[in-house]
């Protein structure tokens, strides 16, 4: 056991710089991956957060449409109701 411990100490001392560079590369790669994961989570909920904050309108009133008779047209989003006068 003492022989193995002495060999590990000698090996670590002789490769200290390369082990330090390896640890630094692993830390940078881990930080990049964690940042990407957190950004993806935040991006997935961006629309929900925006709608909760701004409370967008859900009704579109178009007083004139060139393809119809020019009468009032009302349409609700999300296909809840779609009414237009003939």
N, C-alpha and C. Protein backbone atom coordinates (compact mmCIF):
# COMPACT_ATOMS: atom_id res chain seq x y z
N UNK A 1 0.82 -1.18 0.00
CA UNK A 1 0.00 0.00 0.00
C UNK A 1 0.87 1.26 0.00
N UNK A 2 1.94 1.24 0.79
CA UNK A 2 2.83 2.39 0.85
C UNK A 2 3.52 2.61 -0.50
N UNK A 3 3.85 1.52 -1.16
CA UNK A 3 4.48 1.62 -2.46
C UNK A 3 3.53 2.27 -3.48
N UNK A 4 2.27 1.88 -3.44
CA UNK A 4 1.27 2.45 -4.34
C UNK A 4 1.06 3.93 -4.05
N UNK A 5 0.98 4.30 -2.79
CA UNK A 5 0.82 5.70 -2.40
C UNK A 5 2.01 6.54 -2.84
N UNK A 6 3.21 6.00 -2.69
CA UNK A 6 4.40 6.72 -3.15
C UNK A 6 4.42 6.90 -4.65
N UNK A 7 3.98 5.88 -5.38
CA UNK A 7 3.93 5.99 -6.84
C UNK A 7 2.92 7.05 -7.28
N UNK A 8 1.74 7.09 -6.63
CA UNK A 8 0.71 8.09 -6.98
C UNK A 8 1.22 9.50 -6.68
N UNK A 9 1.87 9.68 -5.54
CA UNK A 9 2.43 11.01 -5.21
C UNK A 9 3.45 11.46 -6.25
N UNK A 10 4.33 10.57 -6.62
CA UNK A 10 5.35 10.90 -7.62
C UNK A 10 4.70 11.22 -8.96
N UNK A 11 3.70 10.44 -9.35
CA UNK A 11 3.02 10.65 -10.63
C UNK A 11 2.27 11.98 -10.65
N UNK A 12 1.62 12.32 -9.57
CA UNK A 12 0.89 13.60 -9.49
C UNK A 12 1.87 14.76 -9.52
N UNK A 13 2.97 14.66 -8.82
CA UNK A 13 3.96 15.75 -8.82
C UNK A 13 4.56 15.96 -10.20
N UNK A 14 4.82 14.87 -10.90
CA UNK A 14 5.45 15.02 -12.21
C UNK A 14 4.46 15.50 -13.28
N UNK A 15 3.17 15.28 -13.09
CA UNK A 15 2.16 15.69 -14.08
C UNK A 15 1.24 16.78 -13.55
N UNK A 16 1.69 17.55 -12.64
CA UNK A 16 0.86 18.56 -12.00
C UNK A 16 0.27 19.55 -13.01
N UNK A 17 1.10 20.06 -13.90
CA UNK A 17 0.64 21.06 -14.86
C UNK A 17 -0.41 20.48 -15.82
N UNK A 18 -0.16 19.29 -16.33
CA UNK A 18 -1.13 18.70 -17.27
C UNK A 18 -2.45 18.35 -16.56
N UNK A 19 -2.38 17.92 -15.31
CA UNK A 19 -3.60 17.64 -14.55
C UNK A 19 -4.38 18.92 -14.27
N UNK A 20 -3.68 20.00 -14.01
CA UNK A 20 -4.32 21.29 -13.79
C UNK A 20 -5.02 21.78 -15.06
N UNK A 21 -4.37 21.64 -16.20
CA UNK A 21 -4.97 22.03 -17.48
C UNK A 21 -6.19 21.16 -17.77
N UNK A 22 -6.10 19.88 -17.51
CA UNK A 22 -7.22 18.98 -17.72
C UNK A 22 -8.41 19.37 -16.83
N UNK A 23 -8.14 19.67 -15.57
CA UNK A 23 -9.21 20.10 -14.66
C UNK A 23 -9.84 21.40 -15.13
N UNK A 24 -9.04 22.31 -15.64
CA UNK A 24 -9.56 23.58 -16.15
C UNK A 24 -10.44 23.35 -17.39
N UNK A 25 -10.01 22.49 -18.28
CA UNK A 25 -10.82 22.18 -19.47
C UNK A 25 -12.14 21.53 -19.10
N UNK A 26 -12.11 20.63 -18.12
CA UNK A 26 -13.35 19.99 -17.66
C UNK A 26 -14.28 21.02 -17.04
N UNK A 27 -13.74 21.95 -16.27
CA UNK A 27 -14.56 22.99 -15.63
C UNK A 27 -15.20 23.89 -16.68
N UNK A 28 -14.46 24.29 -17.69
CA UNK A 28 -15.00 25.16 -18.74
C UNK A 28 -16.08 24.42 -19.54
N UNK A 29 -15.84 23.17 -19.87
CA UNK A 29 -16.83 22.39 -20.61
C UNK A 29 -18.10 22.18 -19.79
N UNK A 30 -17.95 21.91 -18.52
CA UNK A 30 -19.12 21.73 -17.65
C UNK A 30 -19.91 23.03 -17.53
N UNK A 31 -19.22 24.14 -17.39
CA UNK A 31 -19.90 25.43 -17.32
C UNK A 31 -20.66 25.74 -18.58
N UNK A 32 -20.09 25.41 -19.73
CA UNK A 32 -20.76 25.64 -21.01
C UNK A 32 -22.03 24.81 -21.12
N UNK A 33 -21.95 23.55 -20.74
CA UNK A 33 -23.11 22.66 -20.82
C UNK A 33 -24.20 23.13 -19.85
N UNK A 34 -23.83 23.49 -18.63
CA UNK A 34 -24.83 23.96 -17.66
C UNK A 34 -25.50 25.25 -18.12
N UNK A 35 -24.73 26.14 -18.72
CA UNK A 35 -25.30 27.38 -19.23
C UNK A 35 -26.28 27.10 -20.36
N UNK A 36 -25.95 26.18 -21.24
CA UNK A 36 -26.85 25.82 -22.34
C UNK A 36 -28.14 25.20 -21.82
N UNK A 37 -28.06 24.36 -20.80
CA UNK A 37 -29.25 23.73 -20.24
C UNK A 37 -30.15 24.77 -19.59
N UNK A 38 -29.58 25.67 -18.81
CA UNK A 38 -30.37 26.71 -18.15
C UNK A 38 -30.99 27.64 -19.18
N UNK A 39 -30.26 27.98 -20.23
CA UNK A 39 -30.81 28.82 -21.29
C UNK A 39 -31.95 28.15 -22.02
N UNK A 40 -31.85 26.85 -22.25
CA UNK A 40 -32.93 26.12 -22.91
C UNK A 40 -34.18 26.08 -22.04
N UNK A 41 -34.01 25.89 -20.75
CA UNK A 41 -35.16 25.90 -19.84
C UNK A 41 -35.83 27.26 -19.83
N UNK A 42 -35.02 28.30 -19.78
CA UNK A 42 -35.58 29.66 -19.75
C UNK A 42 -36.26 30.00 -21.08
N UNK A 43 -35.68 29.57 -22.18
CA UNK A 43 -36.28 29.82 -23.48
C UNK A 43 -37.60 29.08 -23.67
N UNK A 44 -37.73 27.93 -23.08
CA UNK A 44 -38.95 27.14 -23.21
C UNK A 44 -40.13 27.82 -22.53
N UNK A 45 -39.88 28.59 -21.50
CA UNK A 45 -40.97 29.24 -20.78
C UNK A 45 -41.10 30.73 -21.12
N UNK A 46 -40.39 31.20 -22.14
CA UNK A 46 -40.38 32.64 -22.45
C UNK A 46 -41.75 33.14 -22.89
N UNK A 47 -42.44 32.39 -23.73
CA UNK A 47 -43.75 32.84 -24.22
C UNK A 47 -44.76 32.90 -23.08
N UNK A 48 -44.74 31.90 -22.21
CA UNK A 48 -45.66 31.90 -21.07
C UNK A 48 -45.40 33.08 -20.14
N UNK A 49 -44.13 33.36 -19.88
CA UNK A 49 -43.80 34.49 -19.01
C UNK A 49 -44.19 35.82 -19.65
N UNK A 50 -44.00 35.94 -20.96
CA UNK A 50 -44.37 37.17 -21.66
C UNK A 50 -45.88 37.38 -21.62
N UNK A 51 -46.65 36.34 -21.86
CA UNK A 51 -48.10 36.47 -21.84
C UNK A 51 -48.61 36.78 -20.43
N UNK A 52 -47.99 36.21 -19.42
CA UNK A 52 -48.41 36.50 -18.05
C UNK A 52 -48.11 37.94 -17.66
N UNK A 53 -47.03 38.48 -18.17
CA UNK A 53 -46.62 39.84 -17.82
C UNK A 53 -47.38 40.91 -18.59
N UNK A 54 -47.62 40.69 -19.88
CA UNK A 54 -48.18 41.74 -20.72
C UNK A 54 -49.68 41.64 -20.94
N UNK A 55 -50.28 40.47 -20.68
CA UNK A 55 -51.69 40.24 -20.90
C UNK A 55 -52.13 40.71 -22.29
N UNK A 56 -51.71 40.02 -23.34
CA UNK A 56 -52.01 40.45 -24.70
C UNK A 56 -53.50 40.32 -25.04
N UNK A 57 -53.94 41.07 -26.01
CA UNK A 57 -55.32 41.02 -26.45
C UNK A 57 -55.60 39.70 -27.17
N UNK A 58 -56.84 39.22 -27.04
CA UNK A 58 -57.20 37.97 -27.70
C UNK A 58 -58.29 38.20 -28.75
N UNK A 59 -58.63 39.45 -29.03
CA UNK A 59 -59.65 39.74 -30.03
C UNK A 59 -59.05 40.63 -31.11
N UNK A 60 -59.39 40.34 -32.35
CA UNK A 60 -58.97 41.15 -33.48
C UNK A 60 -60.22 41.68 -34.17
N UNK A 61 -60.33 43.00 -34.23
CA UNK A 61 -61.47 43.62 -34.90
C UNK A 61 -60.94 44.29 -36.16
N UNK A 62 -61.41 43.82 -37.29
CA UNK A 62 -60.99 44.37 -38.57
C UNK A 62 -62.20 45.03 -39.23
N UNK A 63 -62.28 46.35 -39.22
CA UNK A 63 -63.47 47.01 -39.76
C UNK A 63 -63.61 46.89 -41.27
N UNK A 64 -62.54 46.64 -41.97
CA UNK A 64 -62.63 46.52 -43.43
C UNK A 64 -61.71 45.43 -43.91
N UNK A 65 -62.25 44.52 -44.66
CA UNK A 65 -61.45 43.47 -45.28
C UNK A 65 -61.70 43.52 -46.78
N UNK A 66 -60.68 43.68 -47.58
CA UNK A 66 -60.87 43.82 -49.03
C UNK A 66 -61.51 42.61 -49.69
N UNK A 67 -61.38 41.43 -49.09
CA UNK A 67 -61.93 40.24 -49.74
C UNK A 67 -63.40 40.00 -49.41
N UNK A 68 -63.99 40.82 -48.55
CA UNK A 68 -65.40 40.64 -48.20
C UNK A 68 -66.18 41.88 -48.60
N UNK A 69 -67.33 42.03 -48.05
CA UNK A 69 -68.20 43.16 -48.40
C UNK A 69 -67.81 44.43 -47.67
N UNK A 70 -66.81 44.38 -46.83
CA UNK A 70 -66.39 45.56 -46.09
C UNK A 70 -67.10 45.71 -44.77
N UNK A 71 -67.82 44.69 -44.36
CA UNK A 71 -68.55 44.74 -43.09
C UNK A 71 -67.61 44.38 -41.93
N UNK A 72 -68.08 44.58 -40.73
CA UNK A 72 -67.30 44.33 -39.54
C UNK A 72 -66.99 42.85 -39.40
N UNK A 73 -65.75 42.54 -39.06
CA UNK A 73 -65.32 41.16 -38.90
C UNK A 73 -64.65 41.01 -37.54
N UNK A 74 -65.07 40.03 -36.76
CA UNK A 74 -64.51 39.79 -35.44
C UNK A 74 -64.00 38.35 -35.40
N UNK A 75 -62.77 38.17 -34.91
CA UNK A 75 -62.21 36.82 -34.82
C UNK A 75 -61.46 36.69 -33.51
N UNK A 76 -61.74 35.65 -32.75
CA UNK A 76 -61.03 35.37 -31.51
C UNK A 76 -59.87 34.44 -31.82
N UNK A 77 -58.81 34.60 -31.06
CA UNK A 77 -57.66 33.72 -31.23
C UNK A 77 -57.95 32.34 -30.69
N UNK A 78 -57.08 31.42 -31.00
CA UNK A 78 -57.11 30.04 -30.54
C UNK A 78 -58.37 29.31 -31.00
N UNK A 79 -58.98 29.75 -32.10
CA UNK A 79 -60.14 29.11 -32.73
C UNK A 79 -61.31 28.95 -31.77
N UNK A 80 -61.43 29.84 -30.80
CA UNK A 80 -62.59 29.76 -29.91
C UNK A 80 -63.85 30.19 -30.62
N UNK A 81 -63.78 31.28 -31.36
CA UNK A 81 -64.94 31.77 -32.07
C UNK A 81 -64.46 32.52 -33.30
N UNK A 82 -65.13 32.30 -34.37
CA UNK A 82 -64.79 33.03 -35.58
C UNK A 82 -66.10 33.46 -36.22
N UNK A 83 -66.39 34.75 -36.17
CA UNK A 83 -67.65 35.26 -36.71
C UNK A 83 -67.33 36.40 -37.66
N UNK A 84 -67.91 36.36 -38.79
CA UNK A 84 -67.78 37.48 -39.71
C UNK A 84 -69.11 37.65 -40.41
N UNK A 85 -69.45 38.87 -40.65
CA UNK A 85 -70.74 39.14 -41.27
C UNK A 85 -70.62 38.92 -42.78
N UNK A 86 -71.67 38.42 -43.41
CA UNK A 86 -71.61 38.09 -44.84
C UNK A 86 -71.50 39.30 -45.74
